[in-house]
N, C-alpha and C. Protein backbone atom coordinates (compact mmCIF):
# COMPACT_ATOMS: atom_id res chain seq x y z
N UNK A 1 -18.63 -5.03 21.12
CA UNK A 1 -18.40 -3.44 21.04
C UNK A 1 -19.82 -2.69 21.22
N UNK A 2 -19.88 -1.76 22.05
CA UNK A 2 -20.84 -1.02 22.24
C UNK A 2 -21.24 -0.01 21.27
N UNK A 3 -22.34 0.07 20.76
CA UNK A 3 -22.98 0.72 19.74
C UNK A 3 -22.57 2.25 19.94
N UNK A 4 -22.82 2.82 21.28
CA UNK A 4 -22.73 3.96 21.67
C UNK A 4 -21.27 4.77 21.52
N UNK A 5 -20.10 3.66 21.47
CA UNK A 5 -18.71 4.17 21.59
C UNK A 5 -18.33 4.10 20.19
N UNK A 6 -18.70 3.06 19.28
CA UNK A 6 -18.21 2.94 18.13
C UNK A 6 -18.28 4.30 17.20
N UNK A 7 -16.91 4.51 16.72
CA UNK A 7 -16.89 5.85 15.96
C UNK A 7 -16.65 5.26 14.41
N UNK A 8 -16.68 6.53 13.64
CA UNK A 8 -16.53 6.39 12.09
C UNK A 8 -15.24 5.83 11.98
N UNK A 9 -14.33 5.95 12.82
CA UNK A 9 -12.94 5.47 12.43
C UNK A 9 -12.99 4.06 12.80
N UNK A 10 -13.77 3.60 13.62
CA UNK A 10 -13.87 2.26 13.91
C UNK A 10 -13.98 1.35 12.83
N UNK A 11 -15.09 2.05 12.14
CA UNK A 11 -15.96 1.22 10.97
C UNK A 11 -14.63 1.10 9.61
N UNK A 12 -14.03 2.26 9.69
CA UNK A 12 -12.99 2.41 8.44
C UNK A 12 -12.01 1.61 8.96
N UNK A 13 -11.54 1.53 10.04
CA UNK A 13 -10.11 0.57 10.31
C UNK A 13 -10.78 -0.77 10.18
N UNK A 14 -11.90 -1.28 10.61
CA UNK A 14 -12.37 -2.58 10.50
C UNK A 14 -12.39 -3.07 8.78
N UNK A 15 -12.94 -2.04 8.14
CA UNK A 15 -13.22 -1.99 6.66
C UNK A 15 -11.57 -2.19 5.98
N UNK A 16 -10.90 -1.60 6.44
CA UNK A 16 -9.48 -1.43 5.91
C UNK A 16 -8.86 -3.05 6.15
N UNK A 17 -9.08 -3.20 7.49
CA UNK A 17 -8.57 -4.56 7.70
C UNK A 17 -9.33 -5.69 6.78
N UNK A 18 -10.45 -5.52 6.68
CA UNK A 18 -11.21 -6.86 5.57
C UNK A 18 -10.63 -6.61 4.42
N UNK A 19 -10.29 -5.23 3.94
CA UNK A 19 -9.90 -5.02 2.42
C UNK A 19 -8.43 -5.78 2.44
N UNK A 20 -7.94 -5.61 3.38
CA UNK A 20 -6.47 -5.80 3.39
C UNK A 20 -6.22 -7.68 3.21
N UNK A 21 -7.48 -8.32 3.80
CA UNK A 21 -7.27 -9.84 3.92
C UNK A 21 -7.92 -10.59 3.11
N UNK A 22 -9.15 -9.97 2.63
CA UNK A 22 -10.17 -10.26 2.10
C UNK A 22 -10.64 -9.66 0.39
N UNK A 23 -9.98 -8.64 0.30
CA UNK A 23 -10.42 -7.82 -0.79
C UNK A 23 -11.64 -6.99 -0.87
N UNK A 24 -12.03 -6.11 -1.51
CA UNK A 24 -13.25 -5.07 -1.58
C UNK A 24 -14.45 -6.03 -1.64
N UNK A 25 -14.69 -6.97 -2.06
CA UNK A 25 -15.74 -7.63 -2.39
C UNK A 25 -16.22 -7.91 -1.10
N UNK A 26 -15.20 -8.21 -0.07
CA UNK A 26 -15.68 -8.59 1.27
C UNK A 26 -15.86 -7.27 2.26
N UNK A 27 -15.89 -6.45 1.74
CA UNK A 27 -16.16 -5.19 2.70
C UNK A 27 -17.64 -4.94 2.54
N UNK A 28 -18.20 -5.14 3.41
CA UNK A 28 -19.64 -5.52 3.22
C UNK A 28 -20.19 -5.17 4.74
N UNK A 29 -21.34 -4.31 4.62
CA UNK A 29 -21.87 -3.99 6.01
C UNK A 29 -22.19 -4.96 7.02
N UNK A 30 -22.87 -5.90 6.42
CA UNK A 30 -23.22 -6.82 7.46
C UNK A 30 -22.37 -7.77 7.84
N UNK A 31 -21.21 -8.06 7.25
CA UNK A 31 -20.14 -8.67 7.80
C UNK A 31 -19.25 -8.00 8.69
N UNK A 32 -18.99 -6.66 8.29
CA UNK A 32 -18.22 -5.63 9.28
C UNK A 32 -18.84 -5.54 10.59
N UNK A 33 -20.50 -5.51 10.65
CA UNK A 33 -21.26 -5.52 11.87
C UNK A 33 -20.99 -6.92 12.80
N UNK A 34 -21.01 -7.78 12.11
CA UNK A 34 -20.86 -9.06 12.73
C UNK A 34 -19.22 -9.20 13.44
N UNK A 35 -18.29 -8.69 12.59
CA UNK A 35 -17.12 -8.74 13.21
C UNK A 35 -17.03 -7.73 14.21
N UNK A 36 -17.38 -6.68 14.37
CA UNK A 36 -17.46 -5.38 15.30
C UNK A 36 -18.49 -6.17 16.43
N UNK A 37 -19.35 -6.75 16.24
CA UNK A 37 -20.48 -7.27 17.21
C UNK A 37 -21.48 -6.51 17.69
N UNK A 38 -22.00 -5.56 16.58
CA UNK A 38 -22.79 -4.40 16.64
C UNK A 38 -24.08 -4.70 15.63
N UNK A 39 -24.80 -4.06 15.66
CA UNK A 39 -26.11 -3.97 14.53
C UNK A 39 -25.55 -2.94 13.55
N UNK A 40 -26.45 -3.04 12.33
CA UNK A 40 -26.04 -2.23 11.21
C UNK A 40 -26.32 -0.51 11.43
N UNK A 41 -27.39 -0.38 12.28
CA UNK A 41 -27.83 0.82 12.65
C UNK A 41 -26.63 1.71 12.90
N UNK A 42 -25.69 1.24 13.68
CA UNK A 42 -24.54 2.18 14.12
C UNK A 42 -23.60 2.59 12.73
N UNK A 43 -23.83 1.64 11.61
CA UNK A 43 -22.95 2.14 10.37
C UNK A 43 -23.74 3.31 9.99
N UNK A 44 -25.09 3.04 9.90
CA UNK A 44 -25.84 4.01 9.23
C UNK A 44 -25.86 5.52 9.90
N UNK A 45 -25.47 5.35 11.48
CA UNK A 45 -25.11 6.72 11.93
C UNK A 45 -24.12 7.27 11.43
N UNK A 46 -22.89 6.70 10.90
CA UNK A 46 -21.62 7.26 10.42
C UNK A 46 -21.67 7.42 9.12
N UNK A 47 -22.50 6.69 8.22
CA UNK A 47 -22.24 6.54 6.78
C UNK A 47 -23.72 6.63 6.24
N UNK A 48 -23.91 7.00 4.99
CA UNK A 48 -25.17 7.18 4.50
C UNK A 48 -25.35 5.74 3.55
N UNK A 49 -24.20 5.31 3.28
CA UNK A 49 -24.31 3.84 2.27
C UNK A 49 -23.08 3.26 2.32
N UNK A 50 -22.74 2.13 1.64
CA UNK A 50 -21.52 1.29 1.46
C UNK A 50 -20.48 2.33 0.59
N UNK A 51 -21.09 2.75 -0.51
CA UNK A 51 -20.01 3.71 -1.13
C UNK A 51 -19.47 4.71 -0.10
N UNK A 52 -20.27 5.73 0.70
CA UNK A 52 -19.61 6.34 1.84
C UNK A 52 -18.50 5.72 2.37
N UNK A 53 -18.55 4.57 2.81
CA UNK A 53 -17.39 3.91 3.45
C UNK A 53 -16.33 3.75 2.68
N UNK A 54 -16.73 3.39 1.46
CA UNK A 54 -15.42 3.06 0.59
C UNK A 54 -14.80 4.39 0.25
N UNK A 55 -15.33 5.40 -0.15
CA UNK A 55 -14.77 6.76 -0.22
C UNK A 55 -13.82 6.91 1.02
N UNK A 56 -14.39 6.98 2.17
CA UNK A 56 -13.74 7.14 3.34
C UNK A 56 -12.70 6.20 3.62
N UNK A 57 -12.51 5.02 2.96
CA UNK A 57 -11.33 4.19 2.89
C UNK A 57 -10.16 5.00 2.22
N UNK A 58 -10.63 5.30 1.05
CA UNK A 58 -9.61 6.00 0.07
C UNK A 58 -9.10 7.21 0.85
N UNK A 59 -10.02 7.94 1.33
CA UNK A 59 -9.34 9.37 1.99
C UNK A 59 -8.41 8.74 3.26
N UNK A 60 -8.74 7.75 4.08
CA UNK A 60 -7.98 7.55 5.08
C UNK A 60 -6.57 7.10 4.53
N UNK A 61 -6.68 6.44 3.63
CA UNK A 61 -5.53 5.90 2.93
C UNK A 61 -4.47 6.83 2.60
N UNK A 62 -5.10 7.78 1.76
CA UNK A 62 -4.17 9.03 1.39
C UNK A 62 -3.92 9.54 2.24
N UNK A 63 -4.78 10.09 3.42
CA UNK A 63 -4.02 10.84 4.42
C UNK A 63 -2.85 10.36 5.26
N UNK A 64 -2.92 8.89 5.58
CA UNK A 64 -1.97 8.21 6.28
C UNK A 64 -0.86 7.76 5.58
N UNK A 65 -1.15 7.18 4.50
CA UNK A 65 -0.06 6.71 3.68
C UNK A 65 0.84 7.59 2.98
N UNK A 66 0.19 8.90 2.71
CA UNK A 66 0.99 9.76 1.98
C UNK A 66 1.22 11.14 2.65
N UNK A 67 0.06 11.83 2.89
CA UNK A 67 0.25 13.04 3.44
C UNK A 67 0.94 13.35 4.51
N UNK A 68 0.54 12.42 5.76
CA UNK A 68 1.06 12.40 7.05
C UNK A 68 2.46 12.11 6.89
N UNK A 69 2.84 11.01 5.99
CA UNK A 69 4.13 10.53 6.00
C UNK A 69 5.04 11.87 5.54
N UNK A 70 4.64 12.80 4.34
CA UNK A 70 5.10 13.83 3.96
C UNK A 70 5.45 14.79 4.85
N UNK A 71 4.25 15.22 5.40
CA UNK A 71 4.22 16.21 6.41
C UNK A 71 5.18 15.91 7.73
N UNK A 72 5.37 14.75 8.16
CA UNK A 72 6.26 14.35 9.00
C UNK A 72 7.55 14.58 8.61
N UNK A 73 7.88 14.26 7.53
CA UNK A 73 9.32 14.45 6.98
C UNK A 73 9.65 15.89 6.83
N UNK A 74 8.75 16.55 6.25
CA UNK A 74 8.95 18.04 6.24
C UNK A 74 9.02 19.10 7.49
N UNK A 75 8.66 18.47 8.40
CA UNK A 75 8.40 18.87 9.88
C UNK A 75 9.75 18.93 10.74
N UNK A 76 10.61 17.91 10.07
CA UNK A 76 11.79 17.76 10.58
C UNK A 76 13.09 18.47 9.79
N UNK A 77 14.09 18.88 10.36
CA UNK A 77 15.05 19.32 9.83
C UNK A 77 16.06 18.27 9.32
N UNK A 78 15.62 17.87 8.06
CA UNK A 78 16.41 16.75 7.23
C UNK A 78 16.91 17.27 5.91
N UNK A 79 17.97 17.03 5.60
CA UNK A 79 18.40 17.10 4.12
C UNK A 79 17.63 16.25 3.19
N UNK A 80 17.77 16.68 1.87
CA UNK A 80 16.97 16.01 0.89
C UNK A 80 17.43 14.80 1.06
N UNK A 81 18.84 14.27 1.09
CA UNK A 81 19.23 12.98 1.17
C UNK A 81 18.92 12.12 2.37
N UNK A 82 18.73 12.80 3.39
CA UNK A 82 17.95 12.14 4.72
C UNK A 82 16.53 11.67 4.32
N UNK A 83 15.93 12.95 3.82
CA UNK A 83 14.32 12.55 3.42
C UNK A 83 14.25 11.31 2.45
N UNK A 84 15.10 11.35 1.52
CA UNK A 84 15.12 10.34 0.64
C UNK A 84 15.50 8.79 1.22
N UNK A 85 16.48 8.78 2.06
CA UNK A 85 16.33 7.68 2.95
C UNK A 85 15.71 7.46 3.78
N UNK A 86 14.92 8.27 4.36
CA UNK A 86 13.82 7.92 5.33
C UNK A 86 12.58 7.24 4.29
N UNK A 87 12.55 7.58 2.98
CA UNK A 87 11.41 7.09 2.12
C UNK A 87 11.72 5.90 1.93
N UNK A 88 12.84 5.53 1.43
CA UNK A 88 13.58 4.16 0.91
C UNK A 88 13.36 3.34 1.85
N UNK A 89 13.70 3.60 3.26
CA UNK A 89 13.18 2.45 4.33
C UNK A 89 12.11 2.29 4.62
N UNK A 90 11.35 3.21 4.43
CA UNK A 90 9.80 3.31 4.97
C UNK A 90 9.11 1.71 5.05
N UNK A 91 9.09 0.99 3.67
CA UNK A 91 8.73 -0.24 3.54
C UNK A 91 9.07 -1.41 4.28
N UNK A 92 10.45 -0.83 5.04
CA UNK A 92 11.04 -2.05 5.89
C UNK A 92 10.75 -1.87 7.37
N UNK A 93 9.90 -0.96 7.72
CA UNK A 93 9.56 -0.93 9.06
C UNK A 93 8.61 -1.56 9.96
N UNK A 94 8.89 -2.69 10.02
CA UNK A 94 8.07 -4.01 10.73
C UNK A 94 6.53 -4.02 10.20
N UNK A 95 5.96 -4.41 11.30
CA UNK A 95 4.37 -4.97 11.14
C UNK A 95 3.38 -4.10 10.67
N UNK A 96 3.79 -2.60 10.93
CA UNK A 96 2.90 -1.63 10.40
C UNK A 96 3.15 -1.56 8.94
N UNK A 97 4.47 -1.62 8.45
CA UNK A 97 4.86 -1.52 7.28
C UNK A 97 4.19 -2.53 6.43
N UNK A 98 4.15 -3.78 6.87
CA UNK A 98 3.51 -5.06 6.35
C UNK A 98 2.06 -4.73 6.36
N UNK A 99 1.33 -4.41 7.23
CA UNK A 99 -0.03 -4.09 7.20
C UNK A 99 -0.30 -3.09 6.18
N UNK A 100 0.26 -2.04 6.01
CA UNK A 100 0.21 -0.91 5.03
C UNK A 100 0.29 -1.40 3.89
N UNK A 101 1.52 -2.14 3.57
CA UNK A 101 1.53 -2.96 1.99
C UNK A 101 0.35 -3.94 1.72
N UNK A 102 -0.23 -4.64 2.77
CA UNK A 102 -1.34 -5.23 2.50
C UNK A 102 -2.70 -4.53 2.04
N UNK A 103 -2.82 -3.32 2.55
CA UNK A 103 -3.90 -2.51 2.41
C UNK A 103 -3.50 -1.99 0.92
N UNK A 104 -2.52 -1.46 0.79
CA UNK A 104 -2.16 -0.88 -0.57
C UNK A 104 -2.31 -1.79 -1.82
N UNK A 105 -1.75 -2.93 -1.50
CA UNK A 105 -1.90 -4.15 -2.63
C UNK A 105 -3.19 -4.27 -2.89
N UNK A 106 -4.21 -4.38 -1.93
CA UNK A 106 -5.60 -4.76 -2.09
C UNK A 106 -6.22 -3.52 -2.55
N UNK A 107 -5.83 -2.20 -2.33
CA UNK A 107 -6.40 -0.92 -3.18
C UNK A 107 -5.93 -0.71 -4.51
N UNK A 108 -4.92 -1.33 -4.89
CA UNK A 108 -4.55 -1.28 -6.06
C UNK A 108 -5.14 -2.34 -7.26
N UNK A 109 -5.53 -3.51 -6.41
CA UNK A 109 -6.36 -4.71 -7.18
C UNK A 109 -7.72 -4.01 -7.36
N UNK A 110 -8.14 -3.55 -6.25
CA UNK A 110 -9.43 -2.60 -6.47
C UNK A 110 -9.61 -1.69 -7.36
N UNK A 111 -8.46 -0.94 -7.73
CA UNK A 111 -8.24 0.29 -8.50
C UNK A 111 -8.48 -0.43 -9.72
N UNK A 112 -8.05 -1.63 -10.21
CA UNK A 112 -8.09 -2.15 -11.85
C UNK A 112 -9.54 -2.27 -12.07
N UNK A 113 -10.21 -2.24 -11.54
CA UNK A 113 -11.86 -2.42 -11.83
C UNK A 113 -13.01 -1.15 -11.37
N UNK A 114 -12.43 -0.32 -10.75
CA UNK A 114 -13.35 0.62 -10.13
C UNK A 114 -12.67 2.32 -10.31
N UNK A 115 -13.42 3.03 -11.12
CA UNK A 115 -12.99 4.33 -11.15
C UNK A 115 -12.76 5.22 -10.24
N UNK A 116 -13.23 5.09 -9.34
CA UNK A 116 -13.24 5.97 -7.85
C UNK A 116 -11.90 5.63 -7.21
N UNK A 117 -11.72 4.31 -7.10
CA UNK A 117 -10.56 3.81 -6.40
C UNK A 117 -9.15 4.01 -7.41
N UNK A 118 -9.49 3.98 -8.63
CA UNK A 118 -8.38 4.13 -9.85
C UNK A 118 -7.73 5.57 -9.30
N UNK A 119 -8.91 6.63 -9.50
CA UNK A 119 -8.49 8.02 -9.34
C UNK A 119 -7.70 8.39 -8.15
N UNK A 120 -8.14 7.61 -6.92
CA UNK A 120 -7.58 8.02 -5.65
C UNK A 120 -6.16 7.46 -5.98
N UNK A 121 -5.72 6.24 -6.39
CA UNK A 121 -4.48 5.55 -6.56
C UNK A 121 -3.55 6.66 -7.71
N UNK A 122 -4.30 7.14 -8.69
CA UNK A 122 -3.43 7.79 -9.64
C UNK A 122 -3.09 9.13 -8.94
N UNK A 123 -4.02 9.67 -8.02
CA UNK A 123 -3.61 10.90 -7.32
C UNK A 123 -2.42 10.55 -6.17
N UNK A 124 -2.63 9.52 -5.64
CA UNK A 124 -1.33 9.38 -4.62
C UNK A 124 0.00 9.11 -5.35
N UNK A 125 -0.13 8.03 -6.26
CA UNK A 125 1.16 7.92 -7.32
C UNK A 125 1.76 9.27 -7.50
N UNK A 126 0.99 10.07 -8.43
CA UNK A 126 1.38 11.35 -8.55
C UNK A 126 1.97 12.54 -7.75
N UNK A 127 1.37 12.34 -6.62
CA UNK A 127 1.74 13.08 -5.36
C UNK A 127 2.92 12.76 -5.02
N UNK A 128 3.08 11.45 -4.61
CA UNK A 128 4.65 10.76 -4.01
C UNK A 128 5.51 10.95 -5.11
N UNK A 129 5.32 10.92 -6.49
CA UNK A 129 6.52 10.79 -7.20
C UNK A 129 6.94 12.31 -7.51
N UNK A 130 6.06 13.13 -7.47
CA UNK A 130 6.16 14.77 -7.14
C UNK A 130 6.85 15.15 -6.16
N UNK A 131 6.76 14.46 -5.02
CA UNK A 131 7.44 14.85 -3.83
C UNK A 131 9.01 14.24 -3.78
N UNK A 132 9.14 13.16 -4.68
CA UNK A 132 10.49 12.42 -4.83
C UNK A 132 11.24 13.23 -5.68
N UNK A 133 10.44 13.88 -6.63
CA UNK A 133 10.88 14.59 -7.74
C UNK A 133 11.84 15.80 -7.08
N UNK A 134 10.94 16.53 -6.04
CA UNK A 134 11.54 17.71 -5.75
C UNK A 134 12.56 17.29 -4.71
N UNK A 135 12.80 16.38 -4.11
CA UNK A 135 14.04 15.74 -3.17
C UNK A 135 15.01 15.91 -4.34
N UNK A 136 14.97 15.34 -5.63
CA UNK A 136 16.12 15.49 -6.51
C UNK A 136 16.42 16.65 -6.93
N UNK A 137 15.43 17.32 -7.51
CA UNK A 137 15.71 18.92 -7.52
C UNK A 137 16.69 19.41 -6.75
N UNK A 138 16.49 19.21 -5.24
CA UNK A 138 17.20 19.99 -4.44
C UNK A 138 18.54 19.57 -4.32
N UNK A 139 18.69 18.16 -5.07
CA UNK A 139 20.17 17.73 -4.70
C UNK A 139 20.69 18.19 -6.39
N UNK A 140 20.19 18.96 -6.81
CA UNK A 140 20.77 19.73 -8.07
C UNK A 140 20.61 18.94 -9.37
N UNK A 141 19.68 18.03 -9.62
CA UNK A 141 19.55 17.30 -10.70
C UNK A 141 18.67 17.92 -11.63
N UNK A 142 18.95 17.90 -12.74
CA UNK A 142 18.15 18.49 -13.81
C UNK A 142 16.82 17.95 -13.49
N UNK A 143 15.84 18.76 -14.11
CA UNK A 143 14.43 18.50 -14.22
C UNK A 143 14.02 16.95 -14.78
N UNK A 144 14.59 16.84 -15.89
CA UNK A 144 14.21 15.42 -16.56
C UNK A 144 14.89 14.31 -15.71
N UNK A 145 15.79 14.56 -15.37
CA UNK A 145 16.81 13.68 -14.46
C UNK A 145 16.07 13.29 -13.27
N UNK A 146 15.83 14.34 -12.59
CA UNK A 146 14.80 14.15 -11.28
C UNK A 146 13.45 13.50 -11.54
N UNK A 147 12.87 13.81 -12.69
CA UNK A 147 11.69 13.08 -13.07
C UNK A 147 11.90 11.34 -13.11
N UNK A 148 13.10 11.15 -13.89
CA UNK A 148 13.51 9.93 -14.07
C UNK A 148 13.78 9.17 -12.73
N UNK A 149 14.68 9.90 -11.94
CA UNK A 149 15.17 9.22 -10.69
C UNK A 149 13.94 9.06 -9.57
N UNK A 150 13.10 9.98 -9.68
CA UNK A 150 11.98 9.78 -8.90
C UNK A 150 11.02 8.58 -9.23
N UNK A 151 10.95 8.38 -10.51
CA UNK A 151 10.01 7.24 -10.77
C UNK A 151 10.75 5.87 -10.46
N UNK A 152 12.03 5.79 -10.63
CA UNK A 152 12.87 4.73 -10.49
C UNK A 152 12.67 4.38 -8.68
N UNK A 153 13.00 5.52 -8.06
CA UNK A 153 12.87 5.26 -6.76
C UNK A 153 11.42 4.74 -6.23
N UNK A 154 10.54 5.53 -6.69
CA UNK A 154 9.20 4.89 -6.36
C UNK A 154 9.07 3.35 -6.72
N UNK A 155 9.24 3.16 -7.94
CA UNK A 155 9.55 1.94 -8.25
C UNK A 155 9.86 0.89 -7.53
N UNK A 156 11.00 1.17 -6.95
CA UNK A 156 12.17 0.63 -5.92
C UNK A 156 11.20 0.44 -4.52
N UNK A 157 10.55 1.56 -4.18
CA UNK A 157 9.71 1.16 -2.92
C UNK A 157 8.74 0.30 -2.65
N UNK A 158 7.93 0.33 -4.23
CA UNK A 158 6.84 -0.25 -4.44
C UNK A 158 7.25 -1.72 -4.61
N UNK A 159 8.30 -2.12 -5.20
CA UNK A 159 8.71 -3.49 -5.22
C UNK A 159 9.28 -4.03 -3.80
N UNK A 160 10.09 -3.06 -2.94
CA UNK A 160 10.55 -3.48 -1.79
C UNK A 160 9.29 -3.77 -0.86
N UNK A 161 8.29 -3.02 -1.22
CA UNK A 161 7.17 -3.76 -0.05
C UNK A 161 6.34 -4.83 -0.49
N UNK A 162 6.63 -5.36 -1.68
CA UNK A 162 5.93 -6.76 -1.74
C UNK A 162 6.75 -7.64 -1.89
N UNK A 163 8.04 -7.57 -2.36
CA UNK A 163 9.01 -8.60 -2.56
C UNK A 163 9.80 -9.34 -1.23
N UNK A 164 9.68 -10.63 -1.23
CA UNK A 164 10.29 -11.38 -0.36
C UNK A 164 11.66 -12.04 -0.91
N UNK A 165 12.52 -11.40 -0.67
CA UNK A 165 14.14 -11.51 -1.02
C UNK A 165 14.97 -12.53 -0.23
N UNK A 166 14.61 -12.95 0.85
CA UNK A 166 15.36 -13.73 1.78
C UNK A 166 16.27 -12.86 2.62
N UNK A 167 16.31 -11.55 2.25
CA UNK A 167 17.50 -10.73 2.77
C UNK A 167 16.69 -10.23 4.09
N UNK A 168 17.58 -10.14 5.25
CA UNK A 168 17.19 -9.42 6.60
C UNK A 168 16.69 -8.12 6.16
N UNK A 169 15.93 -7.44 7.23
CA UNK A 169 15.56 -6.12 7.09
C UNK A 169 16.86 -5.13 7.02
N UNK A 170 17.60 -5.72 8.19
CA UNK A 170 19.01 -5.07 8.05
C UNK A 170 19.97 -4.73 7.00
N UNK A 171 19.78 -5.92 5.93
CA UNK A 171 20.30 -6.05 4.64
C UNK A 171 19.92 -5.18 3.87
N UNK A 172 18.39 -5.17 4.00
CA UNK A 172 17.80 -4.42 2.96
C UNK A 172 17.70 -2.94 3.38
N UNK A 173 17.88 -2.53 4.65
CA UNK A 173 18.15 -1.25 4.94
C UNK A 173 19.31 -0.60 4.59
N UNK A 174 20.58 -1.69 4.54
CA UNK A 174 21.91 -1.19 4.17
C UNK A 174 21.90 -1.01 2.60
N UNK A 175 21.29 -1.76 1.67
CA UNK A 175 20.90 -1.76 0.62
C UNK A 175 20.43 -0.35 0.02
N UNK A 176 19.18 0.28 0.83
CA UNK A 176 18.62 1.41 0.91
C UNK A 176 19.56 2.61 1.07
N UNK A 177 20.31 2.39 2.00
CA UNK A 177 21.68 3.26 2.33
C UNK A 177 22.47 3.57 1.16
N UNK A 178 23.04 2.44 0.62
CA UNK A 178 23.91 2.55 -0.59
C UNK A 178 23.23 3.01 -1.67
N UNK A 179 22.02 2.53 -2.16
CA UNK A 179 21.39 3.68 -3.11
C UNK A 179 21.08 4.83 -3.05
N UNK A 180 20.67 5.06 -1.72
CA UNK A 180 20.67 6.44 -1.46
C UNK A 180 21.72 7.45 -1.74
N UNK A 181 22.91 6.97 -1.20
CA UNK A 181 24.05 7.59 -1.64
C UNK A 181 24.52 7.63 -2.75
N UNK A 182 24.22 6.36 -3.74
CA UNK A 182 24.55 6.43 -4.86
C UNK A 182 24.03 7.62 -5.79
N UNK A 183 22.56 7.51 -5.54
CA UNK A 183 21.70 8.55 -6.02
C UNK A 183 21.64 9.95 -5.83
N UNK A 184 22.20 10.27 -4.68
CA UNK A 184 22.57 11.56 -4.40
C UNK A 184 23.86 11.90 -4.87
N UNK A 185 24.81 11.13 -5.34
CA UNK A 185 26.08 11.38 -5.98
C UNK A 185 25.90 11.29 -7.49
N UNK A 186 25.01 10.73 -8.27
CA UNK A 186 24.80 10.70 -9.66
C UNK A 186 24.88 12.36 -10.02
N UNK A 187 25.59 12.36 -10.97
CA UNK A 187 26.08 13.94 -11.51
C UNK A 187 24.92 14.25 -12.59
N UNK A 188 24.52 15.51 -12.18
CA UNK A 188 23.52 16.07 -13.30
C UNK A 188 24.03 15.69 -14.69
N UNK A 189 23.06 15.63 -15.59
CA UNK A 189 23.51 15.28 -16.92
C UNK A 189 24.68 16.37 -17.63
N UNK A 190 24.24 17.58 -17.28
CA UNK A 190 25.12 18.58 -17.72
C UNK A 190 26.58 18.40 -17.26
N UNK A 191 26.71 17.94 -16.15
CA UNK A 191 27.81 17.79 -15.65
C UNK A 191 28.55 16.50 -16.06
N UNK A 192 28.02 15.59 -16.17
CA UNK A 192 28.18 14.24 -16.91
C UNK A 192 28.86 14.56 -18.18
N UNK A 193 28.15 15.32 -18.85
CA UNK A 193 28.44 15.40 -20.33
C UNK A 193 29.92 16.47 -20.34
N UNK A 194 30.14 17.35 -19.58
CA UNK A 194 31.16 18.18 -19.48
C UNK A 194 32.57 17.13 -19.14
N UNK A 195 32.47 16.24 -18.07
CA UNK A 195 33.31 15.47 -17.67
C UNK A 195 33.98 14.54 -18.71
N UNK A 196 32.89 14.25 -19.67
CA UNK A 196 33.10 13.34 -20.64
C UNK A 196 34.11 14.00 -21.67
N UNK A 197 33.43 15.24 -21.95
CA UNK A 197 34.15 16.10 -23.25
C UNK A 197 35.42 16.68 -22.43
């Protein structure tokens, strides 16, 4: 690859690929330069040091795996139930989802021993759960029930991205649809108590 054409994003993408396949310890300037077939000088044109690159990885992940997804959902005229289903089947969307899950798993392993990565992961988790909570509030669930359901769905999404159940994607998508219908139909606690009484 020609030095003059290499962009900052090229370095970040290469680093994220290295992260997903080998872990954060293998994200090194020398190894990335070798993989990209360029000199280290190109790296220092775009980044001050390795720490700048690591921060850029976290920023790009936050944007592409969370903010862009939510903006995409909000830009379409979807019901709360449609948005919930779209999120629940997100981990089942083929190769891109597999790659995204690989990056996220490696990021989470990195976050177990690094404060900067931990802070980014906690921020993203909180943002995603809050968005899910808003969906359940739109469905007229109570605040406490929305909080519990958002955590439940988020945990389901995380598990779906890493579990190999032997089920086809179609079967898993059907399960996501059934669960979405069930969660949309769960009666608010006050209504349930009224029905029991």
